[in-house]
Protein backbone atom coordinates (compact mmCIF):
# COMPACT_ATOMS: atom_id res chain seq x y z
CA UNK A 1 -73.75 -42.45 8.59
CA UNK A 2 -72.86 -45.55 10.52
CA UNK A 3 -75.02 -46.81 13.34
CA UNK A 4 -73.97 -49.37 15.95
CA UNK A 5 -76.38 -51.85 17.45
CA UNK A 6 -75.33 -53.73 20.55
CA UNK A 7 -76.70 -57.00 21.80
CA UNK A 8 -75.97 -59.39 24.61
CA UNK A 9 -75.32 -58.52 28.21
CA UNK A 10 -77.56 -59.31 31.13
CA UNK A 11 -77.02 -60.75 34.59
CA UNK A 12 -74.62 -63.49 35.64
CA UNK A 13 -73.10 -64.85 38.81
CA UNK A 14 -69.48 -64.19 39.65
CA UNK A 15 -67.21 -66.54 37.79
CA UNK A 16 -69.59 -66.80 34.86
CA UNK A 17 -69.34 -65.64 31.26
CA UNK A 18 -71.23 -63.32 28.95
CA UNK A 19 -70.83 -62.23 25.36
CA UNK A 20 -71.57 -58.88 23.75
CA UNK A 21 -71.94 -58.11 20.06
CA UNK A 22 -71.84 -54.88 18.10
CA UNK A 23 -73.18 -54.73 14.56
CA UNK A 24 -72.84 -51.84 12.18
CA UNK A 25 -75.57 -50.43 9.97
CA UNK A 26 -74.29 -48.40 7.06
CA UNK A 27 -70.96 -48.02 5.34
CA UNK A 28 -67.86 -48.31 7.47
CA UNK A 29 -64.57 -46.63 6.60
CA UNK A 30 -61.84 -49.14 5.81
CA UNK A 31 -59.50 -47.71 8.48
CA UNK A 32 -61.82 -48.57 11.31
CA UNK A 33 -60.87 -49.04 14.92
CA UNK A 34 -63.51 -50.57 17.16
CA UNK A 35 -63.56 -50.34 20.91
CA UNK A 36 -65.52 -51.59 23.87
CA UNK A 37 -65.96 -49.29 26.85
CA UNK A 38 -67.73 -49.57 30.17
CA UNK A 39 -69.18 -47.26 32.76
CA UNK A 40 -69.68 -48.68 36.26
CA UNK A 41 -72.39 -47.19 38.48
CA UNK A 42 -71.38 -43.72 39.64
CA UNK A 43 -68.11 -43.74 37.73
CA UNK A 44 -66.72 -42.51 34.45
CA UNK A 45 -66.46 -44.44 31.21
CA UNK A 46 -63.22 -46.34 30.55
CA UNK A 47 -61.83 -48.28 27.62
CA UNK A 48 -61.90 -52.05 27.87
CA UNK A 49 -60.58 -53.40 24.57
CA UNK A 50 -59.91 -52.36 20.99
CA UNK A 51 -59.43 -54.10 17.66
CA UNK A 52 -58.35 -52.58 14.38
CA UNK A 53 -58.86 -53.53 10.75
CA UNK A 54 -55.72 -55.67 10.84
CA UNK A 55 -56.93 -57.63 13.84
CA UNK A 56 -54.54 -56.04 16.32
CA UNK A 57 -56.03 -55.96 19.80
CA UNK A 58 -55.37 -54.07 23.02
CA UNK A 59 -56.89 -54.58 26.47
CA UNK A 60 -57.20 -52.75 29.75
CA UNK A 61 -55.05 -54.37 32.44
CA UNK A 62 -58.16 -55.17 34.48
CA UNK A 63 -59.56 -57.48 31.80
CA UNK A 64 -56.45 -59.04 30.27
CA UNK A 65 -56.70 -62.79 30.18
CA UNK A 66 -60.46 -62.71 30.85
CA UNK A 67 -61.97 -60.71 27.98
CA UNK A 68 -61.51 -61.30 24.27
CA UNK A 69 -62.41 -58.88 21.50
CA UNK A 70 -62.92 -60.30 18.03
CA UNK A 71 -64.61 -60.01 14.67
CA UNK A 72 -66.31 -62.80 12.83
CA UNK A 73 -67.31 -63.61 9.30
CA UNK A 74 -70.47 -61.54 9.53
CA UNK A 75 -69.46 -58.24 7.95
CA UNK A 76 -68.73 -55.42 10.37
CA UNK A 77 -69.72 -57.25 13.53
CA UNK A 78 -67.56 -57.33 16.63
CA UNK A 79 -67.76 -59.29 19.84
CA UNK A 80 -66.56 -59.07 23.41
CA UNK A 81 -66.37 -62.41 25.19
CA UNK A 82 -66.17 -61.91 28.93
CA UNK A 83 -65.09 -64.79 31.15
CA UNK A 84 -64.45 -65.15 34.88
CA UNK A 85 -66.63 -62.16 35.59
CA UNK A 86 -66.50 -60.40 38.95
CA UNK A 87 -68.86 -57.85 40.52
CA UNK A 88 -66.31 -55.20 39.57
CA UNK A 89 -67.20 -55.86 35.93
CA UNK A 90 -70.74 -54.61 36.52
CA UNK A 91 -71.27 -51.66 34.19
CA UNK A 92 -72.99 -50.36 31.11
CA UNK A 93 -70.93 -51.54 28.17
CA UNK A 94 -70.66 -49.50 24.98
CA UNK A 95 -69.13 -50.20 21.59
CA UNK A 96 -67.71 -47.45 19.46
CA UNK A 97 -66.01 -47.11 16.10
CA UNK A 98 -63.58 -44.48 14.89
CA UNK A 99 -61.82 -44.23 11.54
CA UNK A 100 -59.52 -41.33 12.41
CA UNK A 101 -57.41 -42.96 15.10
CA UNK A 102 -54.89 -44.12 12.52
CA UNK A 103 -53.95 -40.42 12.30
CA UNK A 104 -54.34 -39.66 16.03
CA UNK A 105 -52.11 -42.06 17.87
CA UNK A 106 -53.50 -45.41 16.90
CA UNK A 107 -56.19 -47.88 17.86
CA UNK A 108 -55.64 -48.66 21.53
CA UNK A 109 -57.26 -48.62 24.94
CA UNK A 110 -57.05 -45.07 26.20
CA UNK A 111 -57.49 -43.47 22.79
CA UNK A 112 -60.22 -40.88 22.46
CA UNK A 113 -62.98 -42.20 20.22
CA UNK A 114 -64.61 -39.41 18.22
CA UNK A 115 -66.77 -41.57 15.99
CA UNK A 116 -70.01 -43.43 16.48
CA UNK A 117 -71.22 -45.00 19.72
CA UNK A 118 -73.67 -47.76 20.46
CA UNK A 119 -76.59 -47.35 22.80
CA UNK A 120 -75.03 -49.31 25.66
CA UNK A 121 -76.00 -52.58 27.28
CA UNK A 122 -76.10 -53.47 30.97
CA UNK A 123 -73.91 -56.17 32.42
CA UNK A 124 -74.56 -57.11 36.05
CA UNK A 125 -72.38 -59.57 37.97
CA UNK A 126 -73.49 -60.67 41.42
């Protein structure tokens, strides 16, 4: 089984930047789709960004131009760089991975992730 371990997050003033990382432990299916989600206080969880094995990315309209999802040379590690943060970005952020989306409509924001989730990390913008 795959496990996801998130790191990063914290508190920042409006206009600042933060970075999140998500590392996998275990074997990852080659058809992976990785997503970042967030859950603001008192609200539901929404998709923020996705990236697939081919490097194709999608973003929620609310973060386009400010957030960047990426992978790096470290195997099976993903990042979410968040710039120009506003108080509306305050939320618990989760990463998730799903290897079945290629058969269920594709890797995109709004897709239902049925795979593995990280533990969540708090981001607070004041």
